[in-house]
Amino acid sequence: QAKHGLDAVQQMKQSRNFTGDSHDINYGLIFMDLSMPIMDGCEAIRQIRNQLNILDIPIVALTANALEQGRDGALLAGATEFVTKPILRPDLHKKCTLHLGGGSV
C-alpha cells in the first residue's frame, strides 16, 4: 500500500526483476487514488505506464470527484478505467473479477 503517488511508482519499480520484465511484478491489479500528496495519481499512472513501461497491469483510478475532466485525465494518463468513491463491496468484487479473472476474490 503506497502512501503517495511517488511511493507507488517506487514500489512498482522495486518489484520488477532486474531485467525490467513487467511479467515478474507481483501485482495483478492496481487501484490508484488520484488525490495523493507529493505526486498525484494521474502522474503516478503516467510514470508507471511511460517510464517503467508497465502496460499489462490494469490500473483502476479512484476518486471522490465524479467530474468528466478527472475521468478523462486519468484515462489519458493510462488508467484502464475510472471509478468514483466510495466503491461498494459488490462493485469492488466485480472490478477484481473483471481484471483478475475467476469467480472468487
N, C-alpha and C. Protein backbone atom coordinates (compact mmCIF):
# COMPACT_ATOMS: atom_id res chain seq x y z
N GLN A 1 0.84 -1.16 0.00
CA GLN A 1 0.00 0.00 0.00
C GLN A 1 0.89 1.24 0.00
N ALA A 2 0.76 2.04 -1.02
CA ALA A 2 1.56 3.25 -1.15
C ALA A 2 0.95 4.39 -0.35
N LYS A 3 1.82 5.24 0.19
CA LYS A 3 1.37 6.40 0.97
C LYS A 3 1.10 7.61 0.09
N HIS A 4 1.73 7.65 -1.08
CA HIS A 4 1.55 8.74 -2.04
C HIS A 4 1.97 8.25 -3.42
N GLY A 5 1.74 9.08 -4.42
CA GLY A 5 1.99 8.67 -5.80
C GLY A 5 3.43 8.27 -6.08
N LEU A 6 4.38 9.04 -5.55
CA LEU A 6 5.79 8.72 -5.76
C LEU A 6 6.12 7.38 -5.13
N ASP A 7 5.56 7.10 -3.97
CA ASP A 7 5.75 5.81 -3.30
C ASP A 7 5.22 4.67 -4.17
N ALA A 8 4.07 4.89 -4.81
CA ALA A 8 3.50 3.87 -5.70
C ALA A 8 4.44 3.57 -6.86
N VAL A 9 4.99 4.61 -7.46
CA VAL A 9 5.93 4.43 -8.58
C VAL A 9 7.17 3.69 -8.10
N GLN A 10 7.71 4.08 -6.95
CA GLN A 10 8.90 3.43 -6.42
C GLN A 10 8.65 1.96 -6.08
N GLN A 11 7.47 1.65 -5.53
CA GLN A 11 7.14 0.25 -5.24
C GLN A 11 7.07 -0.58 -6.51
N MET A 12 6.48 -0.01 -7.56
CA MET A 12 6.40 -0.73 -8.83
C MET A 12 7.80 -0.93 -9.42
N LYS A 13 8.63 0.08 -9.30
CA LYS A 13 10.00 -0.01 -9.82
C LYS A 13 10.78 -1.08 -9.08
N GLN A 14 10.64 -1.14 -7.76
CA GLN A 14 11.36 -2.11 -6.95
C GLN A 14 10.84 -3.53 -7.15
N SER A 15 9.58 -3.68 -7.53
CA SER A 15 9.01 -5.02 -7.66
C SER A 15 9.38 -5.69 -8.97
N ARG A 16 9.92 -4.93 -9.91
CA ARG A 16 10.34 -5.50 -11.19
C ARG A 16 11.61 -6.32 -10.97
N ASN A 17 11.80 -7.30 -11.80
CA ASN A 17 13.06 -8.03 -11.70
C ASN A 17 14.15 -7.19 -12.37
N PHE A 18 15.38 -7.62 -12.30
CA PHE A 18 16.49 -6.82 -12.79
C PHE A 18 16.53 -6.74 -14.31
N THR A 19 15.79 -7.56 -15.02
CA THR A 19 15.75 -7.46 -16.48
C THR A 19 14.71 -6.43 -16.92
N GLY A 20 13.90 -5.94 -15.99
CA GLY A 20 12.89 -4.95 -16.33
C GLY A 20 11.62 -5.56 -16.87
N ASP A 21 11.45 -6.86 -16.75
CA ASP A 21 10.28 -7.54 -17.29
C ASP A 21 9.08 -7.33 -16.38
N SER A 22 8.04 -6.68 -16.89
CA SER A 22 6.87 -6.40 -16.06
C SER A 22 6.08 -7.65 -15.74
N HIS A 23 6.34 -8.76 -16.41
CA HIS A 23 5.63 -10.00 -16.11
C HIS A 23 6.05 -10.59 -14.76
N ASP A 24 7.18 -10.12 -14.23
CA ASP A 24 7.65 -10.63 -12.95
C ASP A 24 7.21 -9.77 -11.77
N ILE A 25 6.35 -8.80 -12.01
CA ILE A 25 5.83 -7.98 -10.92
C ILE A 25 4.74 -8.76 -10.21
N ASN A 26 4.71 -8.63 -8.90
CA ASN A 26 3.77 -9.40 -8.09
C ASN A 26 2.37 -8.81 -8.02
N TYR A 27 2.09 -7.77 -8.77
CA TYR A 27 0.78 -7.14 -8.74
C TYR A 27 -0.04 -7.58 -9.96
N GLY A 28 -1.31 -7.88 -9.73
CA GLY A 28 -2.18 -8.23 -10.83
C GLY A 28 -3.15 -7.11 -11.17
N LEU A 29 -3.34 -6.18 -10.23
CA LEU A 29 -4.30 -5.09 -10.39
C LEU A 29 -3.89 -3.96 -9.45
N ILE A 30 -3.98 -2.74 -9.95
CA ILE A 30 -3.63 -1.57 -9.13
C ILE A 30 -4.87 -0.69 -9.01
N PHE A 31 -5.22 -0.32 -7.78
CA PHE A 31 -6.22 0.70 -7.52
C PHE A 31 -5.45 1.96 -7.14
N MET A 32 -5.58 3.01 -7.93
CA MET A 32 -4.80 4.23 -7.74
C MET A 32 -5.71 5.40 -7.39
N ASP A 33 -5.54 5.92 -6.17
CA ASP A 33 -6.27 7.12 -5.78
C ASP A 33 -5.66 8.30 -6.53
N LEU A 34 -6.49 9.13 -7.11
CA LEU A 34 -5.98 10.26 -7.88
C LEU A 34 -5.57 11.44 -7.01
N SER A 35 -6.10 11.52 -5.78
CA SER A 35 -5.79 12.62 -4.88
C SER A 35 -4.82 12.16 -3.81
N MET A 36 -3.53 12.30 -4.12
CA MET A 36 -2.49 11.91 -3.17
C MET A 36 -1.47 13.03 -3.06
N PRO A 37 -0.79 13.11 -1.91
CA PRO A 37 0.25 14.13 -1.77
C PRO A 37 1.52 13.74 -2.53
N ILE A 38 2.42 14.66 -2.63
CA ILE A 38 3.74 14.52 -3.25
C ILE A 38 3.64 14.31 -4.76
N MET A 39 2.93 13.30 -5.20
CA MET A 39 2.69 13.06 -6.62
C MET A 39 1.26 12.56 -6.75
N ASP A 40 0.45 13.22 -7.57
CA ASP A 40 -0.94 12.78 -7.69
C ASP A 40 -1.04 11.48 -8.48
N GLY A 41 -2.20 10.88 -8.42
CA GLY A 41 -2.41 9.58 -9.04
C GLY A 41 -2.24 9.58 -10.55
N CYS A 42 -2.66 10.65 -11.22
CA CYS A 42 -2.50 10.72 -12.68
C CYS A 42 -1.03 10.69 -13.06
N GLU A 43 -0.21 11.46 -12.36
CA GLU A 43 1.22 11.46 -12.67
C GLU A 43 1.85 10.10 -12.33
N ALA A 44 1.42 9.48 -11.25
CA ALA A 44 1.93 8.15 -10.90
C ALA A 44 1.57 7.14 -11.99
N ILE A 45 0.33 7.19 -12.47
CA ILE A 45 -0.09 6.29 -13.56
C ILE A 45 0.75 6.55 -14.80
N ARG A 46 0.92 7.82 -15.14
CA ARG A 46 1.71 8.19 -16.31
C ARG A 46 3.13 7.63 -16.22
N GLN A 47 3.76 7.74 -15.04
CA GLN A 47 5.12 7.24 -14.88
C GLN A 47 5.17 5.70 -14.92
N ILE A 48 4.18 5.06 -14.32
CA ILE A 48 4.14 3.59 -14.35
C ILE A 48 4.00 3.11 -15.79
N ARG A 49 3.16 3.77 -16.56
CA ARG A 49 2.94 3.37 -17.95
C ARG A 49 4.11 3.75 -18.86
N ASN A 50 4.58 4.99 -18.77
CA ASN A 50 5.55 5.50 -19.73
C ASN A 50 7.00 5.30 -19.34
N GLN A 51 7.36 5.60 -18.10
CA GLN A 51 8.76 5.47 -17.69
C GLN A 51 9.13 4.04 -17.33
N LEU A 52 8.22 3.36 -16.63
CA LEU A 52 8.50 1.98 -16.25
C LEU A 52 8.04 0.99 -17.31
N ASN A 53 7.27 1.47 -18.28
CA ASN A 53 6.76 0.65 -19.39
C ASN A 53 5.95 -0.54 -18.91
N ILE A 54 5.17 -0.34 -17.87
CA ILE A 54 4.29 -1.39 -17.34
C ILE A 54 2.91 -1.16 -17.95
N LEU A 55 2.62 -1.93 -18.96
CA LEU A 55 1.41 -1.72 -19.74
C LEU A 55 0.37 -2.81 -19.53
N ASP A 56 0.78 -3.94 -19.00
CA ASP A 56 -0.10 -5.11 -18.93
C ASP A 56 -0.81 -5.29 -17.60
N ILE A 57 -0.59 -4.40 -16.64
CA ILE A 57 -1.28 -4.49 -15.35
C ILE A 57 -2.39 -3.44 -15.35
N PRO A 58 -3.63 -3.86 -15.16
CA PRO A 58 -4.74 -2.89 -15.14
C PRO A 58 -4.60 -1.92 -13.96
N ILE A 59 -4.91 -0.66 -14.23
CA ILE A 59 -4.93 0.36 -13.18
C ILE A 59 -6.32 0.97 -13.14
N VAL A 60 -6.97 0.85 -11.99
CA VAL A 60 -8.30 1.44 -11.79
C VAL A 60 -8.10 2.72 -10.99
N ALA A 61 -8.43 3.85 -11.61
CA ALA A 61 -8.30 5.14 -10.95
C ALA A 61 -9.50 5.37 -10.03
N LEU A 62 -9.22 5.81 -8.80
CA LEU A 62 -10.26 6.07 -7.80
C LEU A 62 -10.26 7.54 -7.43
N THR A 63 -11.44 8.12 -7.34
CA THR A 63 -11.54 9.49 -6.88
C THR A 63 -12.94 9.77 -6.35
N ALA A 64 -13.02 10.74 -5.47
CA ALA A 64 -14.32 11.18 -4.97
C ALA A 64 -14.92 12.21 -5.92
N ASN A 65 -14.13 12.68 -6.87
CA ASN A 65 -14.56 13.69 -7.84
C ASN A 65 -15.10 13.00 -9.09
N ALA A 66 -16.37 13.15 -9.34
CA ALA A 66 -17.01 12.47 -10.47
C ALA A 66 -17.03 13.30 -11.74
N LEU A 67 -16.29 14.40 -11.75
CA LEU A 67 -16.29 15.25 -12.95
C LEU A 67 -15.65 14.53 -14.13
N GLU A 68 -16.17 14.79 -15.30
CA GLU A 68 -15.69 14.15 -16.52
C GLU A 68 -14.22 14.51 -16.79
N GLN A 69 -13.82 15.70 -16.40
CA GLN A 69 -12.44 16.14 -16.60
C GLN A 69 -11.46 15.23 -15.85
N GLY A 70 -11.80 14.86 -14.60
CA GLY A 70 -10.95 13.96 -13.83
C GLY A 70 -10.88 12.59 -14.46
N ARG A 71 -12.00 12.12 -14.96
CA ARG A 71 -12.07 10.82 -15.62
C ARG A 71 -11.20 10.83 -16.87
N ASP A 72 -11.37 11.86 -17.69
CA ASP A 72 -10.60 11.95 -18.93
C ASP A 72 -9.10 12.04 -18.65
N GLY A 73 -8.73 12.81 -17.63
CA GLY A 73 -7.32 12.95 -17.27
C GLY A 73 -6.71 11.63 -16.84
N ALA A 74 -7.45 10.85 -16.06
CA ALA A 74 -6.96 9.56 -15.60
C ALA A 74 -6.81 8.59 -16.77
N LEU A 75 -7.78 8.57 -17.65
CA LEU A 75 -7.71 7.66 -18.80
C LEU A 75 -6.59 8.06 -19.75
N LEU A 76 -6.39 9.37 -19.95
CA LEU A 76 -5.28 9.84 -20.78
C LEU A 76 -3.93 9.50 -20.17
N ALA A 77 -3.87 9.48 -18.85
CA ALA A 77 -2.62 9.13 -18.16
C ALA A 77 -2.28 7.65 -18.31
N GLY A 78 -3.30 6.83 -18.60
CA GLY A 78 -3.06 5.40 -18.78
C GLY A 78 -3.88 4.50 -17.90
N ALA A 79 -4.82 5.07 -17.14
CA ALA A 79 -5.70 4.23 -16.32
C ALA A 79 -6.55 3.34 -17.23
N THR A 80 -6.79 2.13 -16.78
CA THR A 80 -7.63 1.19 -17.51
C THR A 80 -9.08 1.61 -17.41
N GLU A 81 -9.46 2.06 -16.23
CA GLU A 81 -10.81 2.57 -16.02
C GLU A 81 -10.84 3.49 -14.82
N PHE A 82 -11.99 4.11 -14.61
CA PHE A 82 -12.17 5.16 -13.62
C PHE A 82 -13.38 4.82 -12.76
N VAL A 83 -13.22 4.91 -11.43
CA VAL A 83 -14.31 4.59 -10.51
C VAL A 83 -14.39 5.71 -9.47
N THR A 84 -15.61 6.13 -9.16
CA THR A 84 -15.77 7.14 -8.11
C THR A 84 -15.94 6.45 -6.75
N LYS A 85 -15.42 7.11 -5.72
CA LYS A 85 -15.56 6.62 -4.35
C LYS A 85 -16.83 7.19 -3.76
N PRO A 86 -17.42 6.55 -2.81
CA PRO A 86 -17.00 5.26 -2.26
C PRO A 86 -17.34 4.12 -3.22
N ILE A 87 -16.51 3.11 -3.22
CA ILE A 87 -16.76 1.95 -4.05
C ILE A 87 -17.38 0.87 -3.14
N LEU A 88 -18.52 0.40 -3.54
CA LEU A 88 -19.23 -0.61 -2.74
C LEU A 88 -18.62 -1.98 -2.94
N ARG A 89 -18.75 -2.83 -1.94
CA ARG A 89 -18.15 -4.16 -1.97
C ARG A 89 -18.52 -4.95 -3.23
N PRO A 90 -19.80 -5.00 -3.64
CA PRO A 90 -20.14 -5.74 -4.87
C PRO A 90 -19.44 -5.16 -6.10
N ASP A 91 -19.31 -3.83 -6.15
CA ASP A 91 -18.64 -3.20 -7.28
C ASP A 91 -17.14 -3.51 -7.26
N LEU A 92 -16.55 -3.50 -6.08
CA LEU A 92 -15.14 -3.85 -5.94
C LEU A 92 -14.92 -5.29 -6.40
N HIS A 93 -15.79 -6.17 -6.00
CA HIS A 93 -15.70 -7.58 -6.39
C HIS A 93 -15.78 -7.71 -7.91
N LYS A 94 -16.70 -6.97 -8.53
CA LYS A 94 -16.85 -7.01 -9.99
C LYS A 94 -15.58 -6.55 -10.69
N LYS A 95 -14.97 -5.47 -10.19
CA LYS A 95 -13.74 -4.95 -10.80
C LYS A 95 -12.61 -5.96 -10.68
N CYS A 96 -12.49 -6.57 -9.51
CA CYS A 96 -11.44 -7.57 -9.32
C CYS A 96 -11.66 -8.78 -10.22
N THR A 97 -12.90 -9.24 -10.30
CA THR A 97 -13.22 -10.39 -11.16
C THR A 97 -12.96 -10.06 -12.62
N LEU A 98 -13.35 -8.87 -13.04
CA LEU A 98 -13.16 -8.44 -14.42
C LEU A 98 -11.68 -8.43 -14.80
N HIS A 99 -10.85 -7.86 -13.94
CA HIS A 99 -9.45 -7.66 -14.28
C HIS A 99 -8.53 -8.83 -13.89
N LEU A 100 -8.95 -9.60 -12.91
CA LEU A 100 -8.11 -10.71 -12.46
C LEU A 100 -8.61 -12.05 -12.94
N GLY A 101 -9.88 -12.08 -13.40
CA GLY A 101 -10.47 -13.33 -13.86
C GLY A 101 -10.95 -14.17 -12.69
N GLY A 102 -11.64 -15.24 -12.99
CA GLY A 102 -12.12 -16.14 -11.96
C GLY A 102 -13.39 -15.65 -11.32
N GLY A 103 -13.96 -16.47 -10.50
CA GLY A 103 -15.22 -16.15 -9.86
C GLY A 103 -15.11 -15.75 -8.42
N SER A 104 -13.92 -15.86 -7.82
CA SER A 104 -13.78 -15.51 -6.42
C SER A 104 -12.60 -14.58 -6.24
N VAL A 105 -12.68 -13.77 -5.21
CA VAL A 105 -11.61 -12.82 -4.92
C VAL A 105 -11.14 -13.04 -3.51
